[in-house]
PDB file of all heavy atoms in Angstrom:
ATOM      1  N   ILE A   1      58.340  96.947 182.897  1.00  0.00           N
ATOM      2  CA  ILE A   1      58.860  96.634 181.565  1.00  0.00           C
ATOM      3  C   ILE A   1      57.661  96.459 180.638  1.00  0.00           C
ATOM      4  O   ILE A   1      56.753  95.679 180.933  1.00  0.00           O
ATOM      5  CB  ILE A   1      59.694  95.342 181.575  1.00  0.00           C
ATOM      6  CG1 ILE A   1      60.874  95.467 182.549  1.00  0.00           C
ATOM      7  CG2 ILE A   1      60.180  94.994 180.176  1.00  0.00           C
ATOM      8  CD1 ILE A   1      61.498  94.127 182.900  1.00  0.00           C
ATOM      9  N   VAL A   2      57.647  97.189 179.533  1.00  0.00           N
ATOM     10  CA  VAL A   2      56.561  97.087 178.552  1.00  0.00           C
ATOM     11  C   VAL A   2      57.155  96.636 177.221  1.00  0.00           C
ATOM     12  O   VAL A   2      57.989  97.339 176.647  1.00  0.00           O
ATOM     13  CB  VAL A   2      55.825  98.427 178.367  1.00  0.00           C
ATOM     14  CG1 VAL A   2      54.693  98.272 177.339  1.00  0.00           C
ATOM     15  CG2 VAL A   2      55.270  98.938 179.696  1.00  0.00           C
ATOM     16  N   VAL A   3      56.728  95.468 176.762  1.00  0.00           N
ATOM     17  CA  VAL A   3      57.194  94.926 175.483  1.00  0.00           C
ATOM     18  C   VAL A   3      56.040  95.004 174.487  1.00  0.00           C
ATOM     19  O   VAL A   3      54.970  94.439 174.716  1.00  0.00           O
ATOM     20  CB  VAL A   3      57.666  93.463 175.616  1.00  0.00           C
ATOM     21  CG1 VAL A   3      58.269  92.982 174.297  1.00  0.00           C
ATOM     22  CG2 VAL A   3      58.655  93.310 176.750  1.00  0.00           C
ATOM     23  N   MET A   4      56.264  95.701 173.378  1.00  0.00           N
ATOM     24  CA  MET A   4      55.221  95.847 172.363  1.00  0.00           C
ATOM     25  C   MET A   4      55.204  94.620 171.445  1.00  0.00           C
ATOM     26  O   MET A   4      56.254  94.119 171.033  1.00  0.00           O
ATOM     27  CB  MET A   4      55.449  97.108 171.534  1.00  0.00           C
ATOM     28  CG  MET A   4      55.429  98.396 172.345  1.00  0.00           C
ATOM     29  SD  MET A   4      53.888  98.631 173.285  1.00  0.00           S
ATOM     30  CE  MET A   4      52.666  98.669 171.959  1.00  0.00           C
ATOM     31  N   LEU A   5      53.998  94.165 171.134  1.00  0.00           N
ATOM     32  CA  LEU A   5      53.838  93.061 170.199  1.00  0.00           C
ATOM     33  C   LEU A   5      53.649  93.609 168.786  1.00  0.00           C
ATOM     34  O   LEU A   5      53.053  94.679 168.609  1.00  0.00           O
ATOM     35  CB  LEU A   5      52.640  92.193 170.573  1.00  0.00           C
ATOM     36  CG  LEU A   5      52.895  91.106 171.638  1.00  0.00           C
ATOM     37  CD1 LEU A   5      53.241  91.726 172.988  1.00  0.00           C
ATOM     38  CD2 LEU A   5      51.690  90.199 171.783  1.00  0.00           C
ATOM     39  N   ASN A   6      54.184  92.907 167.812  1.00  0.00           N
ATOM     40  CA  ASN A   6      53.996  93.287 166.415  1.00  0.00           C
ATOM     41  C   ASN A   6      54.022  92.024 165.567  1.00  0.00           C
ATOM     42  O   ASN A   6      53.954  90.907 166.105  1.00  0.00           O
ATOM     43  CB  ASN A   6      55.075  94.290 165.965  1.00  0.00           C
ATOM     44  CG  ASN A   6      56.495  93.778 166.205  1.00  0.00           C
ATOM     45  OD1 ASN A   6      56.782  92.589 166.006  1.00  0.00           O
ATOM     46  ND2 ASN A   6      57.396  94.655 166.638  1.00  0.00           N
ATOM     47  N   GLU A   7      54.108  92.190 164.233  1.00  0.00           N
ATOM     48  CA  GLU A   7      54.053  91.016 163.364  1.00  0.00           C
ATOM     49  C   GLU A   7      55.226  90.070 163.578  1.00  0.00           C
ATOM     50  O   GLU A   7      55.156  88.879 163.257  1.00  0.00           O
ATOM     51  CB  GLU A   7      53.991  91.443 161.889  1.00  0.00           C
ATOM     52  CG  GLU A   7      55.185  92.227 161.378  1.00  0.00           C
ATOM     53  CD  GLU A   7      55.107  93.717 161.705  1.00  0.00           C
ATOM     54  OE1 GLU A   7      54.126  94.122 162.363  1.00  0.00           O
ATOM     55  OE2 GLU A   7      56.030  94.449 161.296  1.00  0.00           O
ATOM     56  N   ARG A   8      56.310  90.560 164.165  1.00  0.00           N
ATOM     57  CA  ARG A   8      57.484  89.710 164.425  1.00  0.00           C
ATOM     58  C   ARG A   8      57.573  89.295 165.893  1.00  0.00           C
ATOM     59  O   ARG A   8      58.486  88.576 166.270  1.00  0.00           O
ATOM     60  CB  ARG A   8      58.759  90.445 164.027  1.00  0.00           C
ATOM     61  CG  ARG A   8      58.849  90.779 162.545  1.00  0.00           C
ATOM     62  CD  ARG A   8      60.223  91.278 162.182  1.00  0.00           C
ATOM     63  NE  ARG A   8      61.257  90.285 162.501  1.00  0.00           N
ATOM     64  CZ  ARG A   8      62.555  90.476 162.248  1.00  0.00           C
ATOM     65  NH1 ARG A   8      62.969  91.601 161.706  1.00  0.00           N
ATOM     66  NH2 ARG A   8      63.442  89.543 162.567  1.00  0.00           N
ATOM     67  N   THR A   9      56.666  89.784 166.697  1.00  0.00           N
ATOM     68  CA  THR A   9      56.751  89.538 168.138  1.00  0.00           C
ATOM     69  C   THR A   9      55.447  88.949 168.651  1.00  0.00           C
ATOM     70  O   THR A   9      54.450  89.647 168.814  1.00  0.00           O
ATOM     71  CB  THR A   9      57.053  90.846 168.896  1.00  0.00           C
ATOM     72  OG1 THR A   9      58.204  91.476 168.334  1.00  0.00           O
ATOM     73  CG2 THR A   9      57.294  90.567 170.368  1.00  0.00           C
ATOM     74  N   SER A  10      55.454  87.656 168.898  1.00  0.00           N
ATOM     75  CA  SER A  10      54.301  86.988 169.506  1.00  0.00           C
ATOM     76  C   SER A  10      54.346  87.202 171.018  1.00  0.00           C
ATOM     77  O   SER A  10      55.325  87.712 171.567  1.00  0.00           O
ATOM     78  CB  SER A  10      54.339  85.495 169.195  1.00  0.00           C
ATOM     79  OG  SER A  10      55.473  84.889 169.811  1.00  0.00           O
ATOM     80  N   GLU A  11      53.302  86.769 171.686  1.00  0.00           N
ATOM     81  CA  GLU A  11      53.273  86.874 173.152  1.00  0.00           C
ATOM     82  C   GLU A  11      54.405  86.065 173.773  1.00  0.00           C
ATOM     83  O   GLU A  11      55.040  86.499 174.739  1.00  0.00           O
ATOM     84  CB  GLU A  11      51.922  86.395 173.670  1.00  0.00           C
ATOM     85  CG  GLU A  11      51.766  86.526 175.176  1.00  0.00           C
ATOM     86  CD  GLU A  11      50.385  86.112 175.658  1.00  0.00           C
ATOM     87  OE1 GLU A  11      49.446  86.088 174.849  1.00  0.00           O
ATOM     88  OE2 GLU A  11      50.254  85.828 176.865  1.00  0.00           O
ATOM     89  N   ALA A  12      54.695  84.884 173.208  1.00  0.00           N
ATOM     90  CA  ALA A  12      55.769  84.047 173.754  1.00  0.00           C
ATOM     91  C   ALA A  12      57.123  84.722 173.585  1.00  0.00           C
ATOM     92  O   ALA A  12      57.966  84.681 174.497  1.00  0.00           O
ATOM     93  CB  ALA A  12      55.758  82.688 173.060  1.00  0.00           C
ATOM     94  N   VAL A  13      57.355  85.337 172.433  1.00  0.00           N
ATOM     95  CA  VAL A  13      58.622  86.041 172.207  1.00  0.00           C
ATOM     96  C   VAL A  13      58.734  87.230 173.160  1.00  0.00           C
ATOM     97  O   VAL A  13      59.793  87.468 173.757  1.00  0.00           O
ATOM     98  CB  VAL A  13      58.721  86.503 170.733  1.00  0.00           C
ATOM     99  CG1 VAL A  13      59.905  87.453 170.550  1.00  0.00           C
ATOM    100  CG2 VAL A  13      58.855  85.301 169.814  1.00  0.00           C
ATOM    101  N   ALA A  14      57.656  87.975 173.310  1.00  0.00           N
ATOM    102  CA  ALA A  14      57.664  89.128 174.220  1.00  0.00           C
ATOM    103  C   ALA A  14      57.979  88.683 175.644  1.00  0.00           C
ATOM    104  O   ALA A  14      58.725  89.349 176.374  1.00  0.00           O
ATOM    105  CB  ALA A  14      56.321  89.846 174.170  1.00  0.00           C
ATOM    106  N   ALA A  15      57.407  87.542 176.051  1.00  0.00           N
ATOM    107  CA  ALA A  15      57.647  87.039 177.402  1.00  0.00           C
ATOM    108  C   ALA A  15      59.113  86.673 177.610  1.00  0.00           C
ATOM    109  O   ALA A  15      59.673  86.927 178.692  1.00  0.00           O
ATOM    110  CB  ALA A  15      56.757  85.842 177.681  1.00  0.00           C
ATOM    111  N   ARG A  16      59.752  86.094 176.589  1.00  0.00           N
ATOM    112  CA  ARG A  16      61.168  85.743 176.723  1.00  0.00           C
ATOM    113  C   ARG A  16      62.028  86.993 176.899  1.00  0.00           C
ATOM    114  O   ARG A  16      62.953  87.006 177.721  1.00  0.00           O
ATOM    115  CB  ARG A  16      61.624  84.929 175.506  1.00  0.00           C
ATOM    116  CG  ARG A  16      61.101  83.508 175.483  1.00  0.00           C
ATOM    117  CD  ARG A  16      61.907  82.632 174.545  1.00  0.00           C
ATOM    118  NE  ARG A  16      61.798  83.050 173.152  1.00  0.00           N
ATOM    119  CZ  ARG A  16      60.851  82.611 172.318  1.00  0.00           C
ATOM    120  NH1 ARG A  16      59.920  81.777 172.753  1.00  0.00           N
ATOM    121  NH2 ARG A  16      60.844  83.021 171.070  1.00  0.00           N
ATOM    122  N   TRP A  17      61.721  88.031 176.139  1.00  0.00           N
ATOM    123  CA  TRP A  17      62.470  89.272 176.300  1.00  0.00           C
ATOM    124  C   TRP A  17      62.233  89.897 177.680  1.00  0.00           C
ATOM    125  O   TRP A  17      63.168  90.348 178.339  1.00  0.00           O
ATOM    126  CB  TRP A  17      62.077  90.267 175.200  1.00  0.00           C
ATOM    127  CG  TRP A  17      62.797  90.041 173.920  1.00  0.00           C
ATOM    128  CD1 TRP A  17      62.388  89.273 172.867  1.00  0.00           C
ATOM    129  CD2 TRP A  17      64.074  90.571 173.549  1.00  0.00           C
ATOM    130  NE1 TRP A  17      63.327  89.300 171.863  1.00  0.00           N
ATOM    131  CE2 TRP A  17      64.368  90.085 172.252  1.00  0.00           C
ATOM    132  CE3 TRP A  17      64.988  91.406 174.171  1.00  0.00           C
ATOM    133  CZ2 TRP A  17      65.542  90.414 171.575  1.00  0.00           C
ATOM    134  CZ3 TRP A  17      66.159  91.742 173.504  1.00  0.00           C
ATOM    135  CH2 TRP A  17      66.430  91.245 172.226  1.00  0.00           C
ATOM    136  N   ALA A  18      60.985  89.917 178.108  1.00  0.00           N
ATOM    137  CA  ALA A  18      60.669  90.496 179.425  1.00  0.00           C
ATOM    138  C   ALA A  18      61.384  89.743 180.533  1.00  0.00           C
ATOM    139  O   ALA A  18      61.876  90.346 181.497  1.00  0.00           O
ATOM    140  CB  ALA A  18      59.161  90.488 179.653  1.00  0.00           C
ATOM    141  N   GLU A  19      61.461  88.417 180.424  1.00  0.00           N
ATOM    142  CA  GLU A  19      62.143  87.620 181.442  1.00  0.00           C
ATOM    143  C   GLU A  19      63.643  87.900 181.454  1.00  0.00           C
ATOM    144  O   GLU A  19      64.260  87.993 182.528  1.00  0.00           O
ATOM    145  CB  GLU A  19      61.872  86.138 181.198  1.00  0.00           C
ATOM    146  CG  GLU A  19      60.442  85.727 181.529  1.00  0.00           C
ATOM    147  CD  GLU A  19      60.123  84.314 181.087  1.00  0.00           C
ATOM    148  OE1 GLU A  19      61.052  83.636 180.584  1.00  0.00           O
ATOM    149  OE2 GLU A  19      58.961  83.893 181.240  1.00  0.00           O
ATOM    150  N   ARG A  20      64.250  88.043 180.269  1.00  0.00           N
ATOM    151  CA  ARG A  20      65.683  88.353 180.200  1.00  0.00           C
ATOM    152  C   ARG A  20      65.986  89.698 180.855  1.00  0.00           C
ATOM    153  O   ARG A  20      66.943  89.832 181.633  1.00  0.00           O
ATOM    154  CB  ARG A  20      66.146  88.380 178.746  1.00  0.00           C
ATOM    155  CG  ARG A  20      66.258  87.034 178.078  1.00  0.00           C
ATOM    156  CD  ARG A  20      66.710  87.189 176.635  1.00  0.00           C
ATOM    157  NE  ARG A  20      68.039  87.800 176.532  1.00  0.00           N
ATOM    158  CZ  ARG A  20      68.587  88.185 175.388  1.00  0.00           C
ATOM    159  NH1 ARG A  20      67.919  88.041 174.245  1.00  0.00           N
ATOM    160  NH2 ARG A  20      69.801  88.720 175.374  1.00  0.00           N
ATOM    161  N   VAL A  21      65.164  90.686 180.533  1.00  0.00           N
ATOM    162  CA  VAL A  21      65.380  92.027 181.102  1.00  0.00           C
ATOM    163  C   VAL A  21      65.162  92.012 182.615  1.00  0.00           C
ATOM    164  O   VAL A  21      65.947  92.587 183.378  1.00  0.00           O
ATOM    165  CB  VAL A  21      64.449  93.047 180.422  1.00  0.00           C
ATOM    166  CG1 VAL A  21      64.591  94.418 181.075  1.00  0.00           C
ATOM    167  CG2 VAL A  21      64.762  93.147 178.930  1.00  0.00           C
ATOM    168  N   THR A  22      64.117  91.334 183.056  1.00  0.00           N
ATOM    169  CA  THR A  22      63.832  91.239 184.492  1.00  0.00           C
ATOM    170  C   THR A  22      65.001  90.598 185.233  1.00  0.00           C
ATOM    171  O   THR A  22      65.421  91.073 186.295  1.00  0.00           O
ATOM    172  CB  THR A  22      62.552  90.419 184.728  1.00  0.00           C
ATOM    173  OG1 THR A  22      61.445  91.079 184.109  1.00  0.00           O
ATOM    174  CG2 THR A  22      62.266  90.255 186.217  1.00  0.00           C
ATOM    175  N   ALA A  23      65.531  89.512 184.680  1.00  0.00           N
ATOM    176  CA  ALA A  23      66.624  88.785 185.334  1.00  0.00           C
ATOM    177  C   ALA A  23      67.866  89.652 185.496  1.00  0.00           C
ATOM    178  O   ALA A  23      68.620  89.503 186.454  1.00  0.00           O
ATOM    179  CB  ALA A  23      66.958  87.528 184.539  1.00  0.00           C
ATOM    180  N   GLU A  24      68.108  90.575 184.563  1.00  0.00           N
ATOM    181  CA  GLU A  24      69.261  91.461 184.663  1.00  0.00           C
ATOM    182  C   GLU A  24      68.970  92.688 185.529  1.00  0.00           C
ATOM    183  O   GLU A  24      69.847  93.200 186.228  1.00  0.00           O
ATOM    184  CB  GLU A  24      69.689  91.920 183.265  1.00  0.00           C
ATOM    185  CG  GLU A  24      70.209  90.803 182.384  1.00  0.00           C
ATOM    186  CD  GLU A  24      70.643  91.297 181.010  1.00  0.00           C
ATOM    187  OE1 GLU A  24      70.906  92.514 180.865  1.00  0.00           O
ATOM    188  OE2 GLU A  24      70.717  90.481 180.074  1.00  0.00           O
ATOM    189  N   LEU A  25      67.722  93.146 185.477  1.00  0.00           N
ATOM    190  CA  LEU A  25      67.382  94.409 186.139  1.00  0.00           C
ATOM    191  C   LEU A  25      67.305  94.284 187.658  1.00  0.00           C
ATOM    192  O   LEU A  25      67.761  95.166 188.389  1.00  0.00           O
ATOM    193  CB  LEU A  25      66.052  94.911 185.572  1.00  0.00           C
ATOM    194  CG  LEU A  25      65.634  96.353 185.855  1.00  0.00           C
ATOM    195  CD1 LEU A  25      66.733  97.335 185.482  1.00  0.00           C
ATOM    196  CD2 LEU A  25      64.344  96.667 185.109  1.00  0.00           C
ATOM    197  N   ILE A  26      66.739  93.201 188.155  1.00  0.00           N
ATOM    198  CA  ILE A  26      66.558  93.054 189.602  1.00  0.00           C
ATOM    199  C   ILE A  26      67.884  93.130 190.360  1.00  0.00           C
ATOM    200  O   ILE A  26      68.019  93.916 191.303  1.00  0.00           O
ATOM    201  CB  ILE A  26      65.773  91.773 189.930  1.00  0.00           C
ATOM    202  CG1 ILE A  26      64.292  91.962 189.563  1.00  0.00           C
ATOM    203  CG2 ILE A  26      65.905  91.398 191.413  1.00  0.00           C
ATOM    204  CD1 ILE A  26      63.440  90.716 189.724  1.00  0.00           C
ATOM    205  N   PRO A  27      68.915  92.353 189.987  1.00  0.00           N
ATOM    206  CA  PRO A  27      70.194  92.484 190.712  1.00  0.00           C
ATOM    207  C   PRO A  27      70.830  93.865 190.557  1.00  0.00           C
ATOM    208  O   PRO A  27      71.435  94.382 191.506  1.00  0.00           O
ATOM    209  CB  PRO A  27      71.069  91.400 190.079  1.00  0.00           C
ATOM    210  CG  PRO A  27      70.161  90.502 189.349  1.00  0.00           C
ATOM    211  CD  PRO A  27      68.968  91.297 188.969  1.00  0.00           C
TER     212      PRO A  27
END
């Protein structure tokens, strides 16, 4: 999973999205 950072996306925000996607993708 690759989350791009931009002016609206900090590292913390990107991490929250990556965690949500990971939690759904693994099962």
